PDB file of N, CA and C in Angstrom:
ATOM      1  N   UNK A   1      99.495  91.539  90.651  1.00  0.00           N
ATOM      2  CA  UNK A   1      98.124  91.079  90.634  1.00  0.00           C
ATOM      3  C   UNK A   1      97.812  90.293  89.371  1.00  0.00           C
ATOM      4  N   UNK A   2      98.557  90.483  88.330  1.00  0.00           N
ATOM      5  CA  UNK A   2      98.192  89.841  87.071  1.00  0.00           C
ATOM      6  C   UNK A   2      98.360  88.330  87.108  1.00  0.00           C
ATOM      7  N   UNK A   3      99.239  87.798  87.943  1.00  0.00           N
ATOM      8  CA  UNK A   3      99.435  86.351  87.987  1.00  0.00           C
ATOM      9  C   UNK A   3      98.396  85.688  88.883  1.00  0.00           C
ATOM     10  N   UNK A   4      98.209  86.206  90.096  1.00  0.00           N
ATOM     11  CA  UNK A   4      97.295  85.570  91.049  1.00  0.00           C
ATOM     12  C   UNK A   4      95.921  86.218  91.101  1.00  0.00           C
ATOM     13  N   UNK A   5      95.798  87.436  90.585  1.00  0.00           N
ATOM     14  CA  UNK A   5      94.523  88.134  90.653  1.00  0.00           C
ATOM     15  C   UNK A   5      94.269  88.797  91.992  1.00  0.00           C
ATOM     16  N   UNK A   6      95.281  88.813  92.849  1.00  0.00           N
ATOM     17  CA  UNK A   6      95.127  89.445  94.165  1.00  0.00           C
ATOM     18  C   UNK A   6      96.475  90.022  94.597  1.00  0.00           C
ATOM     19  N   UNK A   7      96.447  90.806  95.649  1.00  0.00           N
ATOM     20  CA  UNK A   7      97.693  91.302  96.237  1.00  0.00           C
ATOM     21  C   UNK A   7      98.178  90.235  97.207  1.00  0.00           C
ATOM     22  N   UNK A   8      99.379  89.715  96.996  1.00  0.00           N
ATOM     23  CA  UNK A   8      99.910  88.643  97.829  1.00  0.00           C
ATOM     24  C   UNK A   8     100.760  89.143  98.987  1.00  0.00           C
ATOM     25  N   UNK A   9     101.370  90.300  98.849  1.00  0.00           N
ATOM     26  CA  UNK A   9     102.261  90.832  99.872  1.00  0.00           C
ATOM     27  C   UNK A   9     102.372  92.338  99.686  1.00  0.00           C
ATOM     28  N   UNK A  10     102.333  93.073 100.789  1.00  0.00           N
ATOM     29  CA  UNK A  10     102.479  94.528 100.743  1.00  0.00           C
ATOM     30  C   UNK A  10     103.829  94.893 101.352  1.00  0.00           C
ATOM     31  N   UNK A  11     104.616  95.664 100.622  1.00  0.00           N
ATOM     32  CA  UNK A  11     105.852  96.228 101.149  1.00  0.00           C
ATOM     33  C   UNK A  11     105.466  97.599 101.698  1.00  0.00           C
ATOM     34  N   UNK A  12     105.385  97.716 103.011  1.00  0.00           N
ATOM     35  CA  UNK A  12     104.831  98.910 103.644  1.00  0.00           C
ATOM     36  C   UNK A  12     105.932  99.868 104.088  1.00  0.00           C
ATOM     37  N   UNK A  13     105.848 101.079 103.605  1.00  0.00           N
ATOM     38  CA  UNK A  13     106.772 102.133 104.001  1.00  0.00           C
ATOM     39  C   UNK A  13     106.202 103.481 103.583  1.00  0.00           C
ATOM     40  N   UNK A  14     106.716 104.517 104.204  1.00  0.00           N
ATOM     41  CA  UNK A  14     106.417 105.855 103.744  1.00  0.00           C
ATOM     42  C   UNK A  14     107.326 106.168 102.566  1.00  0.00           C
ATOM     43  N   UNK A  15     107.159 107.340 101.969  1.00  0.00           N
ATOM     44  CA  UNK A  15     107.976 107.709 100.809  1.00  0.00           C
ATOM     45  C   UNK A  15     108.572 109.095 101.001  1.00  0.00           C
ATOM     46  N   UNK A  16     109.880 109.198 100.813  1.00  0.00           N
ATOM     47  CA  UNK A  16     110.537 110.508 100.886  1.00  0.00           C
ATOM     48  C   UNK A  16     110.329 111.314  99.619  1.00  0.00           C
ATOM     49  N   UNK A  17     110.027 110.643  98.505  1.00  0.00           N
ATOM     50  CA  UNK A  17     109.908 111.320  97.214  1.00  0.00           C
ATOM     51  C   UNK A  17     108.482 111.237  96.680  1.00  0.00           C
ATOM     52  N   UNK A  18     108.146 112.178  95.806  1.00  0.00           N
ATOM     53  CA  UNK A  18     106.804 112.223  95.234  1.00  0.00           C
ATOM     54  C   UNK A  18     106.565 111.056  94.288  1.00  0.00           C
ATOM     55  N   UNK A  19     105.300 110.672  94.165  1.00  0.00           N
ATOM     56  CA  UNK A  19     104.915 109.612  93.228  1.00  0.00           C
ATOM     57  C   UNK A  19     105.362 109.993  91.825  1.00  0.00           C
ATOM     58  N   UNK A  20     105.848 109.016  91.076  1.00  0.00           N
ATOM     59  CA  UNK A  20     106.285 109.255  89.713  1.00  0.00           C
ATOM     60  C   UNK A  20     107.701 109.788  89.594  1.00  0.00           C
ATOM     61  N   UNK A  21     108.395 109.942  90.719  1.00  0.00           N
ATOM     62  CA  UNK A  21     109.754 110.497  90.682  1.00  0.00           C
ATOM     63  C   UNK A  21     110.776 109.487  90.173  1.00  0.00           C
ATOM     64  N   UNK A  22     110.415 108.205  90.193  1.00  0.00           N
ATOM     65  CA  UNK A  22     111.360 107.173  89.789  1.00  0.00           C
ATOM     66  C   UNK A  22     112.331 106.794  90.889  1.00  0.00           C
ATOM     67  N   UNK A  23     112.161 107.394  92.061  1.00  0.00           N
ATOM     68  CA  UNK A  23     113.039 107.086  93.197  1.00  0.00           C
ATOM     69  C   UNK A  23     112.276 106.237  94.208  1.00  0.00           C
ATOM     70  N   UNK A  24     112.989 105.367  94.876  1.00  0.00           N
ATOM     71  CA  UNK A  24     112.392 104.471  95.869  1.00  0.00           C
ATOM     72  C   UNK A  24     113.067 104.720  97.208  1.00  0.00           C
ATOM     73  N   UNK A  25     112.807 105.882  97.771  1.00  0.00           N
ATOM     74  CA  UNK A  25     113.401 106.275  99.047  1.00  0.00           C
ATOM     75  C   UNK A  25     112.358 106.120 100.148  1.00  0.00           C
ATOM     76  N   UNK A  26     112.606 105.210 101.053  1.00  0.00           N
ATOM     77  CA  UNK A  26     111.644 104.910 102.101  1.00  0.00           C
ATOM     78  C   UNK A  26     111.713 105.942 103.221  1.00  0.00           C
ATOM     79  N   UNK A  27     110.586 106.102 103.905  1.00  0.00           N
ATOM     80  CA  UNK A  27     110.496 106.995 105.055  1.00  0.00           C
ATOM     81  C   UNK A  27     109.666 106.312 106.130  1.00  0.00           C
ATOM     82  N   UNK A  28     109.882 106.746 107.360  1.00  0.00           N
ATOM     83  CA  UNK A  28     109.049 106.255 108.452  1.00  0.00           C
ATOM     84  C   UNK A  28     107.673 106.888 108.334  1.00  0.00           C
ATOM     85  N   UNK A  29     106.680 106.219 108.894  1.00  0.00           N
ATOM     86  CA  UNK A  29     105.320 106.737 108.834  1.00  0.00           C
ATOM     87  C   UNK A  29     105.252 108.046 109.607  1.00  0.00           C
ATOM     88  N   UNK A  30     104.612 109.036 109.009  1.00  0.00           N
ATOM     89  CA  UNK A  30     104.509 110.355 109.613  1.00  0.00           C
ATOM     90  C   UNK A  30     105.651 111.289 109.243  1.00  0.00           C
ATOM     91  N   UNK A  31     106.657 110.788 108.527  1.00  0.00           N
ATOM     92  CA  UNK A  31     107.804 111.622 108.167  1.00  0.00           C
ATOM     93  C   UNK A  31     107.959 111.796 106.661  1.00  0.00           C
ATOM     94  N   UNK A  32     107.167 111.103 105.878  1.00  0.00           N
ATOM     95  CA  UNK A  32     107.307 111.175 104.428  1.00  0.00           C
ATOM     96  C   UNK A  32     106.099 111.813 103.774  1.00  0.00           C
ATOM     97  N   UNK A  33     106.019 111.646 102.469  1.00  0.00           N
ATOM     98  CA  UNK A  33     104.941 112.240 101.683  1.00  0.00           C
ATOM     99  C   UNK A  33     103.706 111.351 101.592  1.00  0.00           C
ATOM    100  N   UNK A  34     103.853 110.069 101.895  1.00  0.00           N
ATOM    101  CA  UNK A  34     102.732 109.133 101.842  1.00  0.00           C
ATOM    102  C   UNK A  34     102.186 108.956 103.258  1.00  0.00           C
ATOM    103  N   UNK A  35     100.977 109.416 103.522  1.00  0.00           N
ATOM    104  CA  UNK A  35     100.436 109.311 104.874  1.00  0.00           C
ATOM    105  C   UNK A  35     100.347 107.857 105.346  1.00  0.00           C
ATOM    106  N   UNK A  36     100.754 107.623 106.586  1.00  0.00           N
ATOM    107  CA  UNK A  36     100.685 106.285 107.156  1.00  0.00           C
ATOM    108  C   UNK A  36      99.278 105.728 107.166  1.00  0.00           C
ATOM    109  N   UNK A  37      98.285 106.607 107.288  1.00  0.00           N
ATOM    110  CA  UNK A  37      96.893 106.159 107.266  1.00  0.00           C
ATOM    111  C   UNK A  37      96.535 105.537 105.920  1.00  0.00           C
ATOM    112  N   UNK A  38      97.130 106.038 104.854  1.00  0.00           N
ATOM    113  CA  UNK A  38      96.894 105.471 103.517  1.00  0.00           C
ATOM    114  C   UNK A  38      97.498 104.074 103.434  1.00  0.00           C
ATOM    115  N   UNK A  39      98.704 103.919 103.954  1.00  0.00           N
ATOM    116  CA  UNK A  39      99.348 102.601 103.965  1.00  0.00           C
ATOM    117  C   UNK A  39      98.510 101.622 104.781  1.00  0.00           C
ATOM    118  N   UNK A  40      98.018 102.056 105.933  1.00  0.00           N
ATOM    119  CA  UNK A  40      97.185 101.192 106.768  1.00  0.00           C
ATOM    120  C   UNK A  40      95.912 100.788 106.032  1.00  0.00           C
ATOM    121  N   UNK A  41      95.313 101.704 105.307  1.00  0.00           N
ATOM    122  CA  UNK A  41      94.098 101.388 104.544  1.00  0.00           C
ATOM    123  C   UNK A  41      94.409 100.358 103.456  1.00  0.00           C
ATOM    124  N   UNK A  42      95.543 100.491 102.790  1.00  0.00           N
ATOM    125  CA  UNK A  42      95.950  99.507 101.780  1.00  0.00           C
ATOM    126  C   UNK A  42      96.121  98.139 102.427  1.00  0.00           C
ATOM    127  N   UNK A  43      96.778  98.097 103.577  1.00  0.00           N
ATOM    128  CA  UNK A  43      96.946  96.824 104.288  1.00  0.00           C
ATOM    129  C   UNK A  43      95.597  96.215 104.635  1.00  0.00           C
ATOM    130  N   UNK A  44      94.708  97.036 105.137  1.00  0.00           N
ATOM    131  CA  UNK A  44      93.380  96.556 105.530  1.00  0.00           C
ATOM    132  C   UNK A  44      92.605  96.027 104.331  1.00  0.00           C
ATOM    133  N   UNK A  45      92.555  96.802 103.275  1.00  0.00           N
ATOM    134  CA  UNK A  45      91.764  96.425 102.103  1.00  0.00           C
ATOM    135  C   UNK A  45      92.335  95.208 101.376  1.00  0.00           C
ATOM    136  N   UNK A  46      93.659  95.074 101.366  1.00  0.00           N
ATOM    137  CA  UNK A  46      94.271  93.957 100.639  1.00  0.00           C
ATOM    138  C   UNK A  46      94.125  92.642 101.387  1.00  0.00           C
ATOM    139  N   UNK A  47      94.116  92.705 102.715  1.00  0.00           N
ATOM    140  CA  UNK A  47      94.084  91.481 103.508  1.00  0.00           C
ATOM    141  C   UNK A  47      95.365  90.671 103.394  1.00  0.00           C
ATOM    142  N   UNK A  48      96.390  91.260 102.811  1.00  0.00           N
ATOM    143  CA  UNK A  48      97.653  90.558 102.569  1.00  0.00           C
ATOM    144  C   UNK A  48      98.628  90.794 103.722  1.00  0.00           C
ATOM    145  N   UNK A  49      99.559  89.874 103.918  1.00  0.00           N
ATOM    146  CA  UNK A  49     100.617  90.122 104.901  1.00  0.00           C
ATOM    147  C   UNK A  49     101.504  91.266 104.427  1.00  0.00           C
ATOM    148  N   UNK A  50     102.265  91.828 105.367  1.00  0.00           N
ATOM    149  CA  UNK A  50     103.100  92.979 105.030  1.00  0.00           C
ATOM    150  C   UNK A  50     104.524  92.794 105.516  1.00  0.00           C
ATOM    151  N   UNK A  51     105.427  93.400 104.788  1.00  0.00           N
ATOM    152  CA  UNK A  51     106.815  93.550 105.206  1.00  0.00           C
ATOM    153  C   UNK A  51     107.018  95.038 105.440  1.00  0.00           C
ATOM    154  N   UNK A  52     107.467  95.401 106.638  1.00  0.00           N
ATOM    155  CA  UNK A  52     107.708  96.802 106.949  1.00  0.00           C
ATOM    156  C   UNK A  52     109.103  97.162 106.443  1.00  0.00           C
ATOM    157  N   UNK A  53     109.172  98.144 105.555  1.00  0.00           N
ATOM    158  CA  UNK A  53     110.437  98.548 104.938  1.00  0.00           C
ATOM    159  C   UNK A  53     110.793  99.990 105.282  1.00  0.00           C
ATOM    160  N   UNK A  54     110.654 100.330 106.535  1.00  0.00           N
ATOM    161  CA  UNK A  54     110.981 101.687 106.947  1.00  0.00           C
ATOM    162  C   UNK A  54     112.431 101.740 107.428  1.00  0.00           C
ATOM    163  N   UNK A  55     113.066 102.907 107.302  1.00  0.00           N
ATOM    164  CA  UNK A  55     114.472 103.025 107.694  1.00  0.00           C
ATOM    165  C   UNK A  55     114.640 103.154 109.205  1.00  0.00           C
ATOM    166  N   UNK A  56     115.877 103.024 109.627  1.00  0.00           N
ATOM    167  CA  UNK A  56     116.203 103.279 111.019  1.00  0.00           C
ATOM    168  C   UNK A  56     116.473 102.025 111.821  1.00  0.00           C
ATOM    169  N   UNK A  57     116.454 102.227 113.114  1.00  0.00           N
ATOM    170  CA  UNK A  57     116.776 101.169 114.066  1.00  0.00           C
ATOM    171  C   UNK A  57     115.575 100.259 114.303  1.00  0.00           C
ATOM    172  N   UNK A  58     115.804  99.199 115.058  1.00  0.00           N
ATOM    173  CA  UNK A  58     114.696  98.323 115.451  1.00  0.00           C
ATOM    174  C   UNK A  58     113.643  99.107 116.223  1.00  0.00           C
ATOM    175  N   UNK A  59     114.087 100.062 117.034  1.00  0.00           N
ATOM    176  CA  UNK A  59     113.154 100.899 117.796  1.00  0.00           C
ATOM    177  C   UNK A  59     112.298 101.751 116.854  1.00  0.00           C
ATOM    178  N   UNK A  60     112.915 102.305 115.824  1.00  0.00           N
ATOM    179  CA  UNK A  60     112.170 103.097 114.839  1.00  0.00           C
ATOM    180  C   UNK A  60     111.119 102.236 114.142  1.00  0.00           C
ATOM    181  N   UNK A  61     111.503 101.030 113.762  1.00  0.00           N
ATOM    182  CA  UNK A  61     110.560 100.141 113.086  1.00  0.00           C
ATOM    183  C   UNK A  61     109.463  99.679 114.035  1.00  0.00           C
ATOM    184  N   UNK A  62     109.799  99.473 115.308  1.00  0.00           N
ATOM    185  CA  UNK A  62     108.778  99.106 116.291  1.00  0.00           C
ATOM    186  C   UNK A  62     107.735 100.219 116.411  1.00  0.00           C
ATOM    187  N   UNK A  63     108.175 101.469 116.354  1.00  0.00           N
ATOM    188  CA  UNK A  63     107.243 102.605 116.391  1.00  0.00           C
ATOM    189  C   UNK A  63     106.345 102.602 115.156  1.00  0.00           C
ATOM    190  N   UNK A  64     106.919 102.286 113.991  1.00  0.00           N
ATOM    191  CA  UNK A  64     106.120 102.232 112.764  1.00  0.00           C
ATOM    192  C   UNK A  64     105.087 101.110 112.831  1.00  0.00           C
ATOM    193  N   UNK A  65     105.480  99.967 113.359  1.00  0.00           N
ATOM    194  CA  UNK A  65     104.544  98.845 113.501  1.00  0.00           C
ATOM    195  C   UNK A  65     103.435  99.212 114.472  1.00  0.00           C
ATOM    196  N   UNK A  66     103.790  99.844 115.596  1.00  0.00           N
ATOM    197  CA  UNK A  66     102.779 100.268 116.571  1.00  0.00           C
ATOM    198  C   UNK A  66     101.821 101.275 115.944  1.00  0.00           C
ATOM    199  N   UNK A  67     102.350 102.195 115.135  1.00  0.00           N
ATOM    200  CA  UNK A  67     101.500 103.168 114.447  1.00  0.00           C
ATOM    201  C   UNK A  67     100.485 102.454 113.564  1.00  0.00           C
ATOM    202  N   UNK A  68     100.962 101.513 112.726  1.00  0.00           N
ATOM    203  CA  UNK A  68     100.055 100.796 111.826  1.00  0.00           C
ATOM    204  C   UNK A  68      99.015 100.003 112.600  1.00  0.00           C
ATOM    205  N   UNK A  69      99.427  99.326 113.669  1.00  0.00           N
ATOM    206  CA  UNK A  69      98.472  98.556 114.478  1.00  0.00           C
ATOM    207  C   UNK A  69      97.401  99.468 115.058  1.00  0.00           C
ATOM    208  N   UNK A  70      97.802 100.647 115.520  1.00  0.00           N
ATOM    209  CA  UNK A  70      96.853 101.597 116.090  1.00  0.00           C
ATOM    210  C   UNK A  70      95.852 102.073 115.040  1.00  0.00           C
ATOM    211  N   UNK A  71      96.340 102.421 113.860  1.00  0.00           N
ATOM    212  CA  UNK A  71      95.444 102.880 112.791  1.00  0.00           C
ATOM    213  C   UNK A  71      94.537 101.740 112.340  1.00  0.00           C
ATOM    214  N   UNK A  72      95.096 100.543 112.181  1.00  0.00           N
ATOM    215  CA  UNK A  72      94.288  99.394 111.749  1.00  0.00           C
ATOM    216  C   UNK A  72      93.205  99.060 112.769  1.00  0.00           C
ATOM    217  N   UNK A  73      93.493  99.231 114.049  1.00  0.00           N
ATOM    218  CA  UNK A  73      92.487  98.965 115.083  1.00  0.00           C
ATOM    219  C   UNK A  73      91.293  99.902 114.936  1.00  0.00           C
ATOM    220  N   UNK A  74      91.544 101.124 114.477  1.00  0.00           N
ATOM    221  CA  UNK A  74      90.465 102.083 114.264  1.00  0.00           C
ATOM    222  C   UNK A  74      89.669 101.833 112.996  1.00  0.00           C
ATOM    223  N   UNK A  75      90.254 101.106 112.048  1.00  0.00           N
ATOM    224  CA  UNK A  75      89.570 100.800 110.789  1.00  0.00           C
ATOM    225  C   UNK A  75      88.652  99.601 110.953  1.00  0.00           C
ATOM    226  N   UNK A  76      89.148  98.596 111.655  1.00  0.00           N
ATOM    227  CA  UNK A  76      88.418  97.317 111.769  1.00  0.00           C
ATOM    228  C   UNK A  76      87.159  97.431 112.576  1.00  0.00           C
TER     229      UNK A  76
END
């Protein structure tokens, strides 16, 4: 944010590890410590495009995208 003054891109994923752990272990939404609803709220509030960085197969990622779309539909 310091260069542009805004969020330009969100790397969206759940987290297997606690905040401040120094580890960057991604999780699918609903399976980690970071609630998917929180990620959806960040996406909504930022208005920025997102890259989904969840683990697994294309099917797993499709489920994560569907989850975010469903939550975002309820926010808007």
